[in-house]
Amino acid sequence: MIENRNGIVLNDILLNNIGPMDFSIPIFIIIWSTTALFFIRSYYNPAIFLQAIYSVVFLTLLRMLSIYLVRLDPPLTIIAIKDPLTSLTYGGKDIFITKDLFFSGHTSNMLILALCFEKKNDKWLGYLAALSVGILVLFQHAHYTIDVIAAIIITFIVVKFAKRAAIH
């Protein structure tokens, strides 16, 4: 549905001055290696897994609402992110969803992991992964700057709420 509707193209000053460059492979490696580490840590501490699940559910519902309400067309210079795992369920093998812009799911999902990690070193690695993915999706012109900034702010709020819900 979102791919078939018209939206607006934002004039993004940052994107006008960087890229576009295809960072699909580094984005894929960062996301899935951080996710693998999170699953390993969750095996030994299921509470962080529960916190992350609550966070992902709440965040996904918020993203669905925001994507529905904020009609954006992708930057004209977008390079679609090619992720062989995600494409199995999201869009399809040769179909790339490009209008799921506000707010960045790539950035927010990485930040969820960082915020749910328990060990200090894991948290820092998670923050680095979230920051890297946020920057790389901008260089790829797969998101507007506001999408990444909003993802950071919204994710901090959602995870705080989700952690409380998971505890009770």
Protein backbone atom coordinates (compact mmCIF):
# COMPACT_ATOMS: atom_id res chain seq x y z
CA MET A 1 0.00 0.00 0.00
CA ILE A 2 2.67 2.53 0.97
CA GLU A 3 4.64 1.89 -2.21
CA ASN A 4 1.61 2.77 -4.33
CA ARG A 5 0.79 6.13 -2.77
CA ASN A 6 2.32 9.50 -3.50
CA GLY A 7 4.33 11.40 -0.94
CA ILE A 8 6.63 14.36 -0.86
CA VAL A 9 10.35 14.47 -1.50
CA LEU A 10 12.18 16.42 1.19
CA ASN A 11 15.00 18.81 0.46
CA ASP A 12 17.59 17.31 2.79
CA ILE A 13 20.65 19.54 3.08
CA LEU A 14 22.83 16.74 4.46
CA LEU A 15 21.90 14.28 1.70
CA ASN A 16 22.53 16.99 -0.89
CA ASN A 17 26.15 17.04 0.28
CA ILE A 18 26.95 13.32 0.72
CA GLY A 19 26.72 10.12 -1.31
CA PRO A 20 24.90 8.32 -2.62
CA MET A 21 26.96 5.17 -2.22
CA ASP A 22 25.86 1.57 -1.85
CA PHE A 23 26.61 0.34 1.67
CA SER A 24 24.20 -2.62 1.59
CA ILE A 25 26.88 -5.17 2.50
CA PRO A 26 28.34 -3.27 5.48
CA ILE A 27 24.81 -2.49 6.72
CA PHE A 28 23.90 -6.19 6.41
CA ILE A 29 27.06 -7.29 8.25
CA ILE A 30 26.62 -4.77 11.09
CA ILE A 31 22.92 -5.54 11.60
CA TRP A 32 23.15 -9.31 11.52
CA SER A 33 26.40 -9.65 13.50
CA THR A 34 25.01 -7.38 16.24
CA THR A 35 21.77 -9.36 16.18
CA ALA A 36 23.71 -12.63 16.47
CA LEU A 37 25.61 -11.28 19.47
CA PHE A 38 22.31 -10.21 20.99
CA PHE A 39 20.87 -13.72 20.58
CA ILE A 40 23.95 -15.21 22.22
CA ARG A 41 23.64 -12.79 25.15
CA SER A 42 19.90 -13.48 25.36
CA TYR A 43 20.56 -17.18 25.78
CA TYR A 44 22.33 -16.41 29.06
CA ASN A 45 19.95 -13.61 30.07
CA PRO A 46 16.41 -14.10 28.70
CA ALA A 47 15.25 -10.88 30.41
CA ILE A 48 17.05 -8.76 27.81
CA PHE A 49 15.37 -10.76 25.06
CA LEU A 50 11.96 -10.05 26.57
CA GLN A 51 12.80 -6.34 26.81
CA ALA A 52 13.87 -6.31 23.17
CA ILE A 53 10.73 -8.14 22.03
CA TYR A 54 8.49 -5.66 23.83
CA SER A 55 10.51 -2.81 22.32
CA VAL A 56 10.32 -4.21 18.79
CA VAL A 57 6.56 -4.75 19.05
CA PHE A 58 5.90 -1.23 20.35
CA LEU A 59 8.32 0.31 17.89
CA THR A 60 6.88 -1.62 14.94
CA LEU A 61 3.38 -0.43 15.81
CA LEU A 62 4.64 3.15 16.05
CA ARG A 63 6.51 2.82 12.74
CA MET A 64 3.41 1.47 11.03
CA LEU A 65 1.42 4.45 12.27
CA SER A 66 4.09 7.01 11.44
CA ILE A 67 4.72 5.58 7.96
CA TYR A 68 0.97 5.67 7.31
CA LEU A 69 0.61 9.25 8.55
CA VAL A 70 3.83 10.74 7.16
CA ARG A 71 3.67 10.31 3.40
CA LEU A 72 7.15 10.58 2.01
CA ASP A 73 8.70 9.61 -1.27
CA PRO A 74 12.32 8.48 -1.03
CA PRO A 75 15.18 10.76 -1.99
CA LEU A 76 15.54 10.89 -5.76
CA THR A 77 19.07 9.50 -5.43
CA ILE A 78 18.13 6.52 -3.22
CA ILE A 79 20.06 3.29 -3.50
CA ALA A 80 17.79 0.55 -2.16
CA ILE A 81 19.30 -1.48 0.67
CA LYS A 82 19.71 -5.08 -0.44
CA ASP A 83 19.51 -7.48 2.50
CA PRO A 84 19.25 -11.15 1.46
CA LEU A 85 17.70 -12.20 4.80
CA THR A 86 15.17 -9.42 5.27
CA SER A 87 14.08 -9.62 1.64
CA LEU A 88 12.74 -13.12 2.32
CA THR A 89 9.86 -11.61 4.31
CA TYR A 90 9.91 -7.84 3.67
CA GLY A 91 9.04 -6.91 0.12
CA GLY A 92 10.48 -9.87 -1.74
CA LYS A 93 13.54 -10.99 -3.61
CA ASP A 94 13.33 -8.39 -6.38
CA ILE A 95 10.95 -5.92 -4.70
CA PHE A 96 12.46 -3.20 -2.56
CA ILE A 97 10.30 -1.24 -0.17
CA THR A 98 11.48 2.37 -0.37
CA LYS A 99 8.66 4.42 1.15
CA ASP A 100 8.92 3.12 4.73
CA LEU A 101 10.87 6.21 5.62
CA PHE A 102 9.69 7.97 8.77
CA PHE A 103 11.32 6.80 10.99
CA SER A 104 14.34 4.59 10.28
CA GLY A 105 13.75 0.98 11.27
CA HIS A 106 17.40 0.11 10.59
CA THR A 107 18.60 2.69 13.09
CA SER A 108 15.91 2.05 15.68
CA ASN A 109 16.36 -1.73 15.69
CA MET A 110 20.10 -1.39 16.25
CA LEU A 111 19.48 1.09 19.04
CA ILE A 112 17.01 -1.30 20.69
CA LEU A 113 19.76 -3.91 20.91
CA ALA A 114 22.22 -1.39 22.33
CA LEU A 115 19.75 -0.26 24.98
CA CYS A 116 18.82 -3.84 25.94
CA PHE A 117 22.37 -5.21 26.14
CA GLU A 118 23.44 -5.71 29.74
CA LYS A 119 27.24 -5.66 29.58
CA LYS A 120 28.94 -2.28 29.22
CA ASN A 121 31.15 -3.38 26.29
CA ASP A 122 28.15 -4.87 24.48
CA LYS A 123 26.23 -1.62 24.98
CA TRP A 124 29.07 0.41 23.47
CA LEU A 125 29.31 -2.02 20.56
CA GLY A 126 25.54 -1.70 20.10
CA TYR A 127 25.71 2.11 20.15
CA LEU A 128 28.52 2.01 17.60
CA ALA A 129 26.44 -0.34 15.42
CA ALA A 130 23.38 1.94 15.67
CA LEU A 131 25.44 5.03 14.86
CA SER A 132 27.18 3.29 11.95
CA VAL A 133 23.93 2.02 10.46
CA GLY A 134 22.32 5.45 10.89
CA ILE A 135 25.20 7.11 9.04
CA LEU A 136 25.38 4.44 6.33
CA VAL A 137 21.65 4.61 5.49
CA LEU A 138 22.12 8.36 5.06
CA PHE A 139 25.11 7.89 2.74
CA GLN A 140 22.99 5.38 0.81
CA HIS A 141 20.18 7.95 0.63
CA ALA A 142 17.84 5.23 1.91
CA HIS A 143 16.51 7.65 4.57
CA TYR A 144 16.28 11.34 5.17
CA THR A 145 18.22 12.89 8.04
CA ILE A 146 14.97 13.48 9.97
CA ASP A 147 14.19 9.74 9.72
CA VAL A 148 17.41 8.82 11.52
CA ILE A 149 17.18 11.58 14.13
CA ALA A 150 13.54 10.72 14.89
CA ALA A 151 14.45 7.03 15.16
CA ILE A 152 16.98 7.79 17.88
CA ILE A 153 14.62 9.96 19.93
CA ILE A 154 11.58 7.69 19.54
CA THR A 155 13.57 4.53 20.29
CA PHE A 156 14.91 5.87 23.59
CA ILE A 157 11.33 6.61 24.69
CA VAL A 158 9.90 3.31 23.44
CA VAL A 159 12.62 1.17 25.05
CA LYS A 160 12.18 2.92 28.39
CA PHE A 161 8.44 2.21 28.23
CA ALA A 162 8.97 -1.37 26.97
CA LYS A 163 11.43 -2.22 29.74
CA ARG A 164 8.85 -1.17 32.33
CA ALA A 165 6.18 -3.23 30.59
CA ALA A 166 8.47 -6.28 30.41
CA ILE A 167 9.21 -6.09 34.12
CA HIS A 168 5.56 -5.95 35.15
